[in-house]
Amino acid sequence: MALKAVLFDLYGTLTYVKNPISSEEISEFLLRRGYRAYPQSLDAASHYVSMIDYPKQGYDGWKVYLKQVLRRLDVEVDADTLEELASLYQKRRTLTLHEDAAIALRKS
């Protein structure tokens, strides 16, 4: 049987985030601005939004996604804080191709 297609998982298989932003950093960022959001709660809300909300609704960018994560925590931030947080995510959550991914893709 001839091979007709090869499917790859993008995140973690072909790509990775070089400098991921941690929930501790996000928590510190929000706490400095007077918002109570702690690492474990942020992790849980992010996971919920990624697995439950996102597949149903989709999000057009980090700002909308983060607003939903914070909404799950009953934390309403001002527009400037949300913009700054989204900008931080945009800078720090850039995907990088694994060195051997391009070789694997060419071979398949």
PDB file of N, CA and C in Angstrom:
ATOM      1  N   MET A   1       0.842  -1.173   0.000  1.00  0.00           N
ATOM      2  CA  MET A   1       0.000   0.000   0.000  1.00  0.00           C
ATOM      3  C   MET A   1       0.894   1.245   0.000  1.00  0.00           C
ATOM      4  N   ALA A   2       0.601   2.155  -0.895  1.00  0.00           N
ATOM      5  CA  ALA A   2       1.377   3.394  -0.997  1.00  0.00           C
ATOM      6  C   ALA A   2       0.946   4.382   0.084  1.00  0.00           C
ATOM      7  N   LEU A   3       1.919   5.086   0.601  1.00  0.00           N
ATOM      8  CA  LEU A   3       1.653   6.116   1.601  1.00  0.00           C
ATOM      9  C   LEU A   3       1.040   7.329   0.904  1.00  0.00           C
ATOM     10  N   LYS A   4      -0.125   7.766   1.377  1.00  0.00           N
ATOM     11  CA  LYS A   4      -0.817   8.887   0.751  1.00  0.00           C
ATOM     12  C   LYS A   4      -0.701  10.172   1.563  1.00  0.00           C
ATOM     13  N   ALA A   5      -0.539  10.044   2.863  1.00  0.00           N
ATOM     14  CA  ALA A   5      -0.474  11.239   3.698  1.00  0.00           C
ATOM     15  C   ALA A   5       0.247  10.927   5.002  1.00  0.00           C
ATOM     16  N   VAL A   6       0.855  11.955   5.561  1.00  0.00           N
ATOM     17  CA  VAL A   6       1.478  11.874   6.874  1.00  0.00           C
ATOM     18  C   VAL A   6       0.946  13.058   7.677  1.00  0.00           C
ATOM     19  N   LEU A   7       0.452  12.790   8.875  1.00  0.00           N
ATOM     20  CA  LEU A   7      -0.067  13.847   9.734  1.00  0.00           C
ATOM     21  C   LEU A   7       0.881  14.063  10.899  1.00  0.00           C
ATOM     22  N   PHE A   8       1.158  15.319  11.183  1.00  0.00           N
ATOM     23  CA  PHE A   8       2.028  15.675  12.292  1.00  0.00           C
ATOM     24  C   PHE A   8       1.276  16.582  13.244  1.00  0.00           C
ATOM     25  N   ASP A   9       1.583  16.439  14.512  1.00  0.00           N
ATOM     26  CA  ASP A   9       1.096  17.358  15.529  1.00  0.00           C
ATOM     27  C   ASP A   9       2.025  18.567  15.516  1.00  0.00           C
ATOM     28  N   LEU A  10       1.459  19.761  15.463  1.00  0.00           N
ATOM     29  CA  LEU A  10       2.270  20.963  15.356  1.00  0.00           C
ATOM     30  C   LEU A  10       3.021  21.270  16.655  1.00  0.00           C
ATOM     31  N   TYR A  11       2.286  21.486  17.754  1.00  0.00           N
ATOM     32  CA  TYR A  11       2.896  21.938  19.005  1.00  0.00           C
ATOM     33  C   TYR A  11       3.548  20.774  19.736  1.00  0.00           C
ATOM     34  N   GLY A  12       4.837  20.867  19.955  1.00  0.00           N
ATOM     35  CA  GLY A  12       5.558  19.830  20.682  1.00  0.00           C
ATOM     36  C   GLY A  12       6.175  18.786  19.773  1.00  0.00           C
ATOM     37  N   THR A  13       5.664  18.640  18.563  1.00  0.00           N
ATOM     38  CA  THR A  13       6.218  17.669  17.631  1.00  0.00           C
ATOM     39  C   THR A  13       7.057  18.366  16.571  1.00  0.00           C
ATOM     40  N   LEU A  14       6.462  19.311  15.872  1.00  0.00           N
ATOM     41  CA  LEU A  14       7.187  20.071  14.854  1.00  0.00           C
ATOM     42  C   LEU A  14       7.739  21.381  15.398  1.00  0.00           C
ATOM     43  N   THR A  15       7.051  21.947  16.375  1.00  0.00           N
ATOM     44  CA  THR A  15       7.433  23.257  16.901  1.00  0.00           C
ATOM     45  C   THR A  15       7.483  23.245  18.429  1.00  0.00           C
ATOM     46  N   TYR A  16       8.092  24.279  18.960  1.00  0.00           N
ATOM     47  CA  TYR A  16       8.142  24.490  20.409  1.00  0.00           C
ATOM     48  C   TYR A  16       8.224  25.991  20.662  1.00  0.00           C
ATOM     49  N   VAL A  17       8.006  26.380  21.906  1.00  0.00           N
ATOM     50  CA  VAL A  17       8.131  27.785  22.301  1.00  0.00           C
ATOM     51  C   VAL A  17       9.480  27.934  22.999  1.00  0.00           C
ATOM     52  N   LYS A  18      10.361  28.768  22.438  1.00  0.00           N
ATOM     53  CA  LYS A  18      11.719  28.944  22.983  1.00  0.00           C
ATOM     54  C   LYS A  18      11.711  29.525  24.386  1.00  0.00           C
ATOM     55  N   ASN A  19      10.900  30.534  24.592  1.00  0.00           N
ATOM     56  CA  ASN A  19      10.917  31.270  25.860  1.00  0.00           C
ATOM     57  C   ASN A  19       9.484  31.414  26.387  1.00  0.00           C
ATOM     58  N   PRO A  20       8.877  30.318  26.810  1.00  0.00           N
ATOM     59  CA  PRO A  20       7.472  30.398  27.226  1.00  0.00           C
ATOM     60  C   PRO A  20       7.279  31.277  28.458  1.00  0.00           C
ATOM     61  N   ILE A  21       6.137  31.906  28.516  1.00  0.00           N
ATOM     62  CA  ILE A  21       5.793  32.720  29.680  1.00  0.00           C
ATOM     63  C   ILE A  21       5.125  31.793  30.704  1.00  0.00           C
ATOM     64  N   SER A  22       5.572  31.859  31.931  1.00  0.00           N
ATOM     65  CA  SER A  22       5.048  30.957  32.959  1.00  0.00           C
ATOM     66  C   SER A  22       3.841  31.571  33.659  1.00  0.00           C
ATOM     67  N   SER A  23       3.065  30.716  34.280  1.00  0.00           N
ATOM     68  CA  SER A  23       1.917  31.198  35.044  1.00  0.00           C
ATOM     69  C   SER A  23       2.379  32.045  36.238  1.00  0.00           C
ATOM     70  N   GLU A  24       3.583  31.769  36.744  1.00  0.00           N
ATOM     71  CA  GLU A  24       4.132  32.583  37.831  1.00  0.00           C
ATOM     72  C   GLU A  24       4.391  34.015  37.353  1.00  0.00           C
ATOM     73  N   GLU A  25       4.934  34.154  36.145  1.00  0.00           N
ATOM     74  CA  GLU A  25       5.182  35.488  35.585  1.00  0.00           C
ATOM     75  C   GLU A  25       3.868  36.240  35.351  1.00  0.00           C
ATOM     76  N   ILE A  26       2.881  35.527  34.836  1.00  0.00           N
ATOM     77  CA  ILE A  26       1.574  36.154  34.587  1.00  0.00           C
ATOM     78  C   ILE A  26       0.962  36.597  35.906  1.00  0.00           C
ATOM     79  N   SER A  27       1.029  35.721  36.898  1.00  0.00           N
ATOM     80  CA  SER A  27       0.490  36.046  38.209  1.00  0.00           C
ATOM     81  C   SER A  27       1.169  37.285  38.790  1.00  0.00           C
ATOM     82  N   GLU A  28       2.492  37.326  38.736  1.00  0.00           N
ATOM     83  CA  GLU A  28       3.229  38.492  39.244  1.00  0.00           C
ATOM     84  C   GLU A  28       2.833  39.761  38.492  1.00  0.00           C
ATOM     85  N   PHE A  29       2.718  39.660  37.187  1.00  0.00           N
ATOM     86  CA  PHE A  29       2.310  40.788  36.350  1.00  0.00           C
ATOM     87  C   PHE A  29       0.952  41.332  36.810  1.00  0.00           C
ATOM     88  N   LEU A  30       0.000  40.421  37.003  1.00  0.00           N
ATOM     89  CA  LEU A  30      -1.351  40.833  37.411  1.00  0.00           C
ATOM     90  C   LEU A  30      -1.392  41.321  38.856  1.00  0.00           C
ATOM     91  N   LEU A  31      -0.677  40.660  39.742  1.00  0.00           N
ATOM     92  CA  LEU A  31      -0.652  41.076  41.145  1.00  0.00           C
ATOM     93  C   LEU A  31      -0.061  42.480  41.307  1.00  0.00           C
ATOM     94  N   ARG A  32       0.979  42.790  40.526  1.00  0.00           N
ATOM     95  CA  ARG A  32       1.571  44.140  40.570  1.00  0.00           C
ATOM     96  C   ARG A  32       0.557  45.207  40.166  1.00  0.00           C
ATOM     97  N   ARG A  33      -0.444  44.820  39.389  1.00  0.00           N
ATOM     98  CA  ARG A  33      -1.470  45.762  38.934  1.00  0.00           C
ATOM     99  C   ARG A  33      -2.748  45.695  39.778  1.00  0.00           C
ATOM    100  N   GLY A  34      -2.672  44.901  40.852  1.00  0.00           N
ATOM    101  CA  GLY A  34      -3.787  44.847  41.786  1.00  0.00           C
ATOM    102  C   GLY A  34      -4.843  43.786  41.503  1.00  0.00           C
ATOM    103  N   TYR A  35      -4.543  42.847  40.618  1.00  0.00           N
ATOM    104  CA  TYR A  35      -5.508  41.793  40.278  1.00  0.00           C
ATOM    105  C   TYR A  35      -5.068  40.481  40.914  1.00  0.00           C
ATOM    106  N   ARG A  36      -5.997  39.809  41.559  1.00  0.00           N
ATOM    107  CA  ARG A  36      -5.694  38.552  42.240  1.00  0.00           C
ATOM    108  C   ARG A  36      -5.883  37.387  41.280  1.00  0.00           C
ATOM    109  N   ALA A  37      -4.760  36.902  40.792  1.00  0.00           N
ATOM    110  CA  ALA A  37      -4.741  35.737  39.905  1.00  0.00           C
ATOM    111  C   ALA A  37      -3.457  34.969  40.216  1.00  0.00           C
ATOM    112  N   TYR A  38      -3.601  33.738  40.659  1.00  0.00           N
ATOM    113  CA  TYR A  38      -2.467  32.963  41.130  1.00  0.00           C
ATOM    114  C   TYR A  38      -2.128  31.838  40.153  1.00  0.00           C
ATOM    115  N   PRO A  39      -0.862  31.390  40.167  1.00  0.00           N
ATOM    116  CA  PRO A  39      -0.386  30.442  39.157  1.00  0.00           C
ATOM    117  C   PRO A  39      -1.259  29.205  38.951  1.00  0.00           C
ATOM    118  N   GLN A  40      -1.630  28.516  40.013  1.00  0.00           N
ATOM    119  CA  GLN A  40      -2.429  27.297  39.836  1.00  0.00           C
ATOM    120  C   GLN A  40      -3.798  27.604  39.242  1.00  0.00           C
ATOM    121  N   SER A  41      -4.402  28.690  39.668  1.00  0.00           N
ATOM    122  CA  SER A  41      -5.704  29.089  39.127  1.00  0.00           C
ATOM    123  C   SER A  41      -5.572  29.472  37.652  1.00  0.00           C
ATOM    124  N   LEU A  42      -4.508  30.187  37.316  1.00  0.00           N
ATOM    125  CA  LEU A  42      -4.266  30.555  35.921  1.00  0.00           C
ATOM    126  C   LEU A  42      -4.063  29.315  35.057  1.00  0.00           C
ATOM    127  N   ASP A  43      -3.305  28.351  35.564  1.00  0.00           N
ATOM    128  CA  ASP A  43      -3.099  27.103  34.825  1.00  0.00           C
ATOM    129  C   ASP A  43      -4.422  26.387  34.579  1.00  0.00           C
ATOM    130  N   ALA A  44      -5.226  26.277  35.623  1.00  0.00           N
ATOM    131  CA  ALA A  44      -6.513  25.576  35.501  1.00  0.00           C
ATOM    132  C   ALA A  44      -7.447  26.299  34.526  1.00  0.00           C
ATOM    133  N   ALA A  45      -7.533  27.626  34.649  1.00  0.00           N
ATOM    134  CA  ALA A  45      -8.416  28.399  33.766  1.00  0.00           C
ATOM    135  C   ALA A  45      -7.924  28.332  32.323  1.00  0.00           C
ATOM    136  N   SER A  46      -6.619  28.424  32.118  1.00  0.00           N
ATOM    137  CA  SER A  46      -6.060  28.336  30.765  1.00  0.00           C
ATOM    138  C   SER A  46      -6.353  26.983  30.136  1.00  0.00           C
ATOM    139  N   HIS A  47      -6.194  25.936  30.934  1.00  0.00           N
ATOM    140  CA  HIS A  47      -6.471  24.591  30.434  1.00  0.00           C
ATOM    141  C   HIS A  47      -7.954  24.451  30.060  1.00  0.00           C
ATOM    142  N   TYR A  48      -8.824  24.941  30.925  1.00  0.00           N
ATOM    143  CA  TYR A  48     -10.258  24.862  30.663  1.00  0.00           C
ATOM    144  C   TYR A  48     -10.619  25.618  29.389  1.00  0.00           C
ATOM    145  N   VAL A  49     -10.114  26.824  29.272  1.00  0.00           N
ATOM    146  CA  VAL A  49     -10.423  27.635  28.092  1.00  0.00           C
ATOM    147  C   VAL A  49      -9.879  26.966  26.831  1.00  0.00           C
ATOM    148  N   SER A  50      -8.674  26.418  26.912  1.00  0.00           N
ATOM    149  CA  SER A  50      -8.067  25.763  25.750  1.00  0.00           C
ATOM    150  C   SER A  50      -8.809  24.500  25.333  1.00  0.00           C
ATOM    151  N   MET A  51      -9.292  23.744  26.309  1.00  0.00           N
ATOM    152  CA  MET A  51      -9.924  22.456  26.005  1.00  0.00           C
ATOM    153  C   MET A  51     -11.438  22.515  25.826  1.00  0.00           C
ATOM    154  N   ILE A  52     -12.100  23.445  26.485  1.00  0.00           N
ATOM    155  CA  ILE A  52     -13.562  23.500  26.458  1.00  0.00           C
ATOM    156  C   ILE A  52     -14.070  24.697  25.660  1.00  0.00           C
ATOM    157  N   ASP A  53     -13.655  25.885  26.035  1.00  0.00           N
ATOM    158  CA  ASP A  53     -14.174  27.100  25.398  1.00  0.00           C
ATOM    159  C   ASP A  53     -13.663  27.292  23.972  1.00  0.00           C
ATOM    160  N   TYR A  54     -12.351  27.156  23.784  1.00  0.00           N
ATOM    161  CA  TYR A  54     -11.757  27.445  22.488  1.00  0.00           C
ATOM    162  C   TYR A  54     -12.329  26.589  21.356  1.00  0.00           C
ATOM    163  N   PRO A  55     -12.441  25.266  21.543  1.00  0.00           N
ATOM    164  CA  PRO A  55     -13.014  24.468  20.446  1.00  0.00           C
ATOM    165  C   PRO A  55     -14.441  24.885  20.071  1.00  0.00           C
ATOM    166  N   LYS A  56     -15.195  25.361  21.033  1.00  0.00           N
ATOM    167  CA  LYS A  56     -16.577  25.786  20.758  1.00  0.00           C
ATOM    168  C   LYS A  56     -16.640  27.160  20.105  1.00  0.00           C
ATOM    169  N   GLN A  57     -15.814  28.097  20.593  1.00  0.00           N
ATOM    170  CA  GLN A  57     -15.945  29.495  20.194  1.00  0.00           C
ATOM    171  C   GLN A  57     -14.821  29.995  19.301  1.00  0.00           C
ATOM    172  N   GLY A  58     -13.618  29.476  19.493  1.00  0.00           N
ATOM    173  CA  GLY A  58     -12.465  30.017  18.789  1.00  0.00           C
ATOM    174  C   GLY A  58     -12.179  31.418  19.305  1.00  0.00           C
ATOM    175  N   TYR A  59     -10.955  31.854  19.183  1.00  0.00           N
ATOM    176  CA  TYR A  59     -10.598  33.187  19.647  1.00  0.00           C
ATOM    177  C   TYR A  59      -9.711  33.847  18.620  1.00  0.00           C
ATOM    178  N   ASP A  60      -9.989  35.105  18.360  1.00  0.00           N
ATOM    179  CA  ASP A  60      -9.241  35.867  17.380  1.00  0.00           C
ATOM    180  C   ASP A  60      -8.108  36.617  18.072  1.00  0.00           C
ATOM    181  N   GLY A  61      -7.086  35.901  18.456  1.00  0.00           N
ATOM    182  CA  GLY A  61      -5.923  36.528  19.058  1.00  0.00           C
ATOM    183  C   GLY A  61      -5.828  36.338  20.561  1.00  0.00           C
ATOM    184  N   TRP A  62      -4.672  36.712  21.073  1.00  0.00           N
ATOM    185  CA  TRP A  62      -4.376  36.535  22.492  1.00  0.00           C
ATOM    186  C   TRP A  62      -5.284  37.347  23.402  1.00  0.00           C
ATOM    187  N   LYS A  63      -5.637  38.545  22.984  1.00  0.00           N
ATOM    188  CA  LYS A  63      -6.444  39.410  23.853  1.00  0.00           C
ATOM    189  C   LYS A  63      -7.784  38.767  24.183  1.00  0.00           C
ATOM    190  N   VAL A  64      -8.445  38.216  23.195  1.00  0.00           N
ATOM    191  CA  VAL A  64      -9.747  37.581  23.409  1.00  0.00           C
ATOM    192  C   VAL A  64      -9.586  36.304  24.243  1.00  0.00           C
ATOM    193  N   TYR A  65      -8.559  35.540  23.942  1.00  0.00           N
ATOM    194  CA  TYR A  65      -8.280  34.313  24.701  1.00  0.00           C
ATOM    195  C   TYR A  65      -8.015  34.631  26.176  1.00  0.00           C
ATOM    196  N   LEU A  66      -7.123  35.596  26.427  1.00  0.00           N
ATOM    197  CA  LEU A  66      -6.767  35.951  27.808  1.00  0.00           C
ATOM    198  C   LEU A  66      -7.944  36.548  28.562  1.00  0.00           C
ATOM    199  N   LYS A  67      -8.761  37.309  27.871  1.00  0.00           N
ATOM    200  CA  LYS A  67      -9.954  37.866  28.510  1.00  0.00           C
ATOM    201  C   LYS A  67     -10.866  36.736  28.996  1.00  0.00           C
ATOM    202  N   GLN A  68     -10.980  35.667  28.212  1.00  0.00           N
ATOM    203  CA  GLN A  68     -11.796  34.518  28.607  1.00  0.00           C
ATOM    204  C   GLN A  68     -11.162  33.764  29.781  1.00  0.00           C
ATOM    205  N   VAL A  69      -9.838  33.617  29.770  1.00  0.00           N
ATOM    206  CA  VAL A  69      -9.150  32.970  30.896  1.00  0.00           C
ATOM    207  C   VAL A  69      -9.417  33.759  32.176  1.00  0.00           C
ATOM    208  N   LEU A  70      -9.267  35.065  32.107  1.00  0.00           N
ATOM    209  CA  LEU A  70      -9.500  35.908  33.280  1.00  0.00           C
ATOM    210  C   LEU A  70     -10.970  35.916  33.685  1.00  0.00           C
ATOM    211  N   ARG A  71     -11.860  35.853  32.716  1.00  0.00           N
ATOM    212  CA  ARG A  71     -13.291  35.778  33.022  1.00  0.00           C
ATOM    213  C   ARG A  71     -13.593  34.501  33.814  1.00  0.00           C
ATOM    214  N   ARG A  72     -12.927  33.409  33.453  1.00  0.00           N
ATOM    215  CA  ARG A  72     -13.110  32.142  34.190  1.00  0.00           C
ATOM    216  C   ARG A  72     -12.659  32.271  35.639  1.00  0.00           C
ATOM    217  N   LEU A  73     -11.757  33.215  35.904  1.00  0.00           N
ATOM    218  CA  LEU A  73     -11.265  33.449  37.267  1.00  0.00           C
ATOM    219  C   LEU A  73     -12.020  34.570  37.972  1.00  0.00           C
ATOM    220  N   ASP A  74     -13.045  35.100  37.315  1.00  0.00           N
ATOM    221  CA  ASP A  74     -13.787  36.254  37.837  1.00  0.00           C
ATOM    222  C   ASP A  74     -12.867  37.442  38.090  1.00  0.00           C
ATOM    223  N   VAL A  75     -11.925  37.648  37.173  1.00  0.00           N
ATOM    224  CA  VAL A  75     -10.997  38.775  37.247  1.00  0.00           C
ATOM    225  C   VAL A  75     -11.229  39.639  36.012  1.00  0.00           C
ATOM    226  N   GLU A  76     -11.657  40.856  36.237  1.00  0.00           N
ATOM    227  CA  GLU A  76     -11.871  41.782  35.124  1.00  0.00           C
ATOM    228  C   GLU A  76     -10.786  42.845  35.169  1.00  0.00           C
ATOM    229  N   VAL A  77      -9.932  42.839  34.145  1.00  0.00           N
ATOM    230  CA  VAL A  77      -8.810  43.785  34.110  1.00  0.00           C
ATOM    231  C   VAL A  77      -9.153  44.969  33.216  1.00  0.00           C
ATOM    232  N   ASP A  78      -8.442  46.066  33.433  1.00  0.00           N
ATOM    233  CA  ASP A  78      -8.651  47.245  32.585  1.00  0.00           C
ATOM    234  C   ASP A  78      -8.047  46.994  31.200  1.00  0.00           C
ATOM    235  N   ALA A  79      -8.432  47.807  30.236  1.00  0.00           N
ATOM    236  CA  ALA A  79      -8.034  47.625  28.841  1.00  0.00           C
ATOM    237  C   ALA A  79      -6.519  47.679  28.656  1.00  0.00           C
ATOM    238  N   ASP A  80      -5.844  48.568  29.373  1.00  0.00           N
ATOM    239  CA  ASP A  80      -4.388  48.692  29.234  1.00  0.00           C
ATOM    240  C   ASP A  80      -3.671  47.438  29.733  1.00  0.00           C
ATOM    241  N   THR A  81      -4.130  46.888  30.850  1.00  0.00           N
ATOM    242  CA  THR A  81      -3.522  45.668  31.392  1.00  0.00           C
ATOM    243  C   THR A  81      -3.725  44.508  30.429  1.00  0.00           C
ATOM    244  N   LEU A  82      -4.927  44.377  29.896  1.00  0.00           N
ATOM    245  CA  LEU A  82      -5.215  43.307  28.943  1.00  0.00           C
ATOM    246  C   LEU A  82      -4.349  43.458  27.695  1.00  0.00           C
ATOM    247  N   GLU A  83      -4.219  44.663  27.199  1.00  0.00           N
ATOM    248  CA  GLU A  83      -3.394  44.930  26.010  1.00  0.00           C
ATOM    249  C   GLU A  83      -1.934  44.573  26.268  1.00  0.00           C
ATOM    250  N   GLU A  84      -1.426  44.967  27.428  1.00  0.00           N
ATOM    251  CA  GLU A  84      -0.034  44.681  27.782  1.00  0.00           C
ATOM    252  C   GLU A  84       0.205  43.182  27.949  1.00  0.00           C
ATOM    253  N   LEU A  85      -0.733  42.507  28.578  1.00  0.00           N
ATOM    254  CA  LEU A  85      -0.615  41.065  28.756  1.00  0.00           C
ATOM    255  C   LEU A  85      -0.660  40.348  27.413  1.00  0.00           C
ATOM    256  N   ALA A  86      -1.561  40.750  26.541  1.00  0.00           N
ATOM    257  CA  ALA A  86      -1.659  40.145  25.208  1.00  0.00           C
ATOM    258  C   ALA A  86      -0.380  40.387  24.415  1.00  0.00           C
ATOM    259  N   SER A  87       0.193  41.561  24.539  1.00  0.00           N
ATOM    260  CA  SER A  87       1.444  41.889  23.855  1.00  0.00           C
ATOM    261  C   SER A  87       2.579  41.001  24.358  1.00  0.00           C
ATOM    262  N   LEU A  88       2.603  40.779  25.664  1.00  0.00           N
ATOM    263  CA  LEU A  88       3.612  39.906  26.263  1.00  0.00           C
ATOM    264  C   LEU A  88       3.475  38.483  25.721  1.00  0.00           C
ATOM    265  N   TYR A  89       2.261  37.987  25.638  1.00  0.00           N
ATOM    266  CA  TYR A  89       2.016  36.661  25.070  1.00  0.00           C
ATOM    267  C   TYR A  89       2.455  36.613  23.610  1.00  0.00           C
ATOM    268  N   GLN A  90       2.116  37.628  22.868  1.00  0.00           N
ATOM    269  CA  GLN A  90       2.469  37.673  21.447  1.00  0.00           C
ATOM    270  C   GLN A  90       3.979  37.558  21.256  1.00  0.00           C
ATOM    271  N   LYS A  91       4.726  38.238  22.109  1.00  0.00           N
ATOM    272  CA  LYS A  91       6.188  38.220  22.014  1.00  0.00           C
ATOM    273  C   LYS A  91       6.781  36.907  22.488  1.00  0.00           C
ATOM    274  N   ARG A  92       6.218  36.337  23.542  1.00  0.00           N
ATOM    275  CA  ARG A  92       6.836  35.189  24.201  1.00  0.00           C
ATOM    276  C   ARG A  92       6.288  33.837  23.781  1.00  0.00           C
ATOM    277  N   ARG A  93       5.175  33.789  23.071  1.00  0.00           N
ATOM    278  CA  ARG A  93       4.579  32.503  22.693  1.00  0.00           C
ATOM    279  C   ARG A  93       4.771  32.190  21.207  1.00  0.00           C
ATOM    280  N   THR A  94       5.860  32.661  20.641  1.00  0.00           N
ATOM    281  CA  THR A  94       6.152  32.420  19.236  1.00  0.00           C
ATOM    282  C   THR A  94       6.667  31.000  19.049  1.00  0.00           C
ATOM    283  N   LEU A  95       6.091  30.289  18.100  1.00  0.00           N
ATOM    284  CA  LEU A  95       6.512  28.923  17.831  1.00  0.00           C
ATOM    285  C   LEU A  95       7.784  28.900  17.002  1.00  0.00           C
ATOM    286  N   THR A  96       8.680  27.971  17.335  1.00  0.00           N
ATOM    287  CA  THR A  96       9.944  27.769  16.629  1.00  0.00           C
ATOM    288  C   THR A  96       9.972  26.338  16.114  1.00  0.00           C
ATOM    289  N   LEU A  97      10.409  26.170  14.887  1.00  0.00           N
ATOM    290  CA  LEU A  97      10.481  24.844  14.274  1.00  0.00           C
ATOM    291  C   LEU A  97      11.649  24.059  14.882  1.00  0.00           C
ATOM    292  N   HIS A  98      11.395  22.807  15.287  1.00  0.00           N
ATOM    293  CA  HIS A  98      12.481  21.934  15.745  1.00  0.00           C
ATOM    294  C   HIS A  98      13.452  21.739  14.587  1.00  0.00           C
ATOM    295  N   GLU A  99      14.741  21.615  14.913  1.00  0.00           N
ATOM    296  CA  GLU A  99      15.758  21.486  13.874  1.00  0.00           C
ATOM    297  C   GLU A  99      15.494  20.329  12.917  1.00  0.00           C
ATOM    298  N   ASP A 100      15.060  19.200  13.446  1.00  0.00           N
ATOM    299  CA  ASP A 100      14.860  18.030  12.590  1.00  0.00           C
ATOM    300  C   ASP A 100      13.476  17.967  11.945  1.00  0.00           C
ATOM    301  N   ALA A 101      12.618  18.916  12.248  1.00  0.00           N
ATOM    302  CA  ALA A 101      11.252  18.887  11.702  1.00  0.00           C
ATOM    303  C   ALA A 101      11.235  19.073  10.190  1.00  0.00           C
ATOM    304  N   ALA A 102      12.001  20.025   9.697  1.00  0.00           N
ATOM    305  CA  ALA A 102      12.023  20.258   8.245  1.00  0.00           C
ATOM    306  C   ALA A 102      12.535  19.020   7.510  1.00  0.00           C
ATOM    307  N   ILE A 103      13.552  18.359   8.063  1.00  0.00           N
ATOM    308  CA  ILE A 103      14.094  17.144   7.450  1.00  0.00           C
ATOM    309  C   ILE A 103      13.024  16.054   7.424  1.00  0.00           C
ATOM    310  N   ALA A 104      12.329  15.876   8.536  1.00  0.00           N
ATOM    311  CA  ALA A 104      11.276  14.863   8.611  1.00  0.00           C
ATOM    312  C   ALA A 104      10.147  15.152   7.626  1.00  0.00           C
ATOM    313  N   LEU A 105       9.792  16.399   7.488  1.00  0.00           N
ATOM    314  CA  LEU A 105       8.725  16.760   6.565  1.00  0.00           C
ATOM    315  C   LEU A 105       9.141  16.508   5.115  1.00  0.00           C
ATOM    316  N   ARG A 106      10.373  16.854   4.783  1.00  0.00           N
ATOM    317  CA  ARG A 106      10.852  16.608   3.405  1.00  0.00           C
ATOM    318  C   ARG A 106      10.878  15.114   3.081  1.00  0.00           C
ATOM    319  N   LYS A 107      11.268  14.290   4.056  1.00  0.00           N
ATOM    320  CA  LYS A 107      11.347  12.850   3.838  1.00  0.00           C
ATOM    321  C   LYS A 107       9.967  12.214   3.714  1.00  0.00           C
ATOM    322  N   SER A 108       8.955  12.827   4.310  1.00  0.00           N
ATOM    323  CA  SER A 108       7.620  12.239   4.240  1.00  0.00           C
ATOM    324  C   SER A 108       6.939  12.766   3.017  1.00  0.00           C
TER     325      SER A 108
END
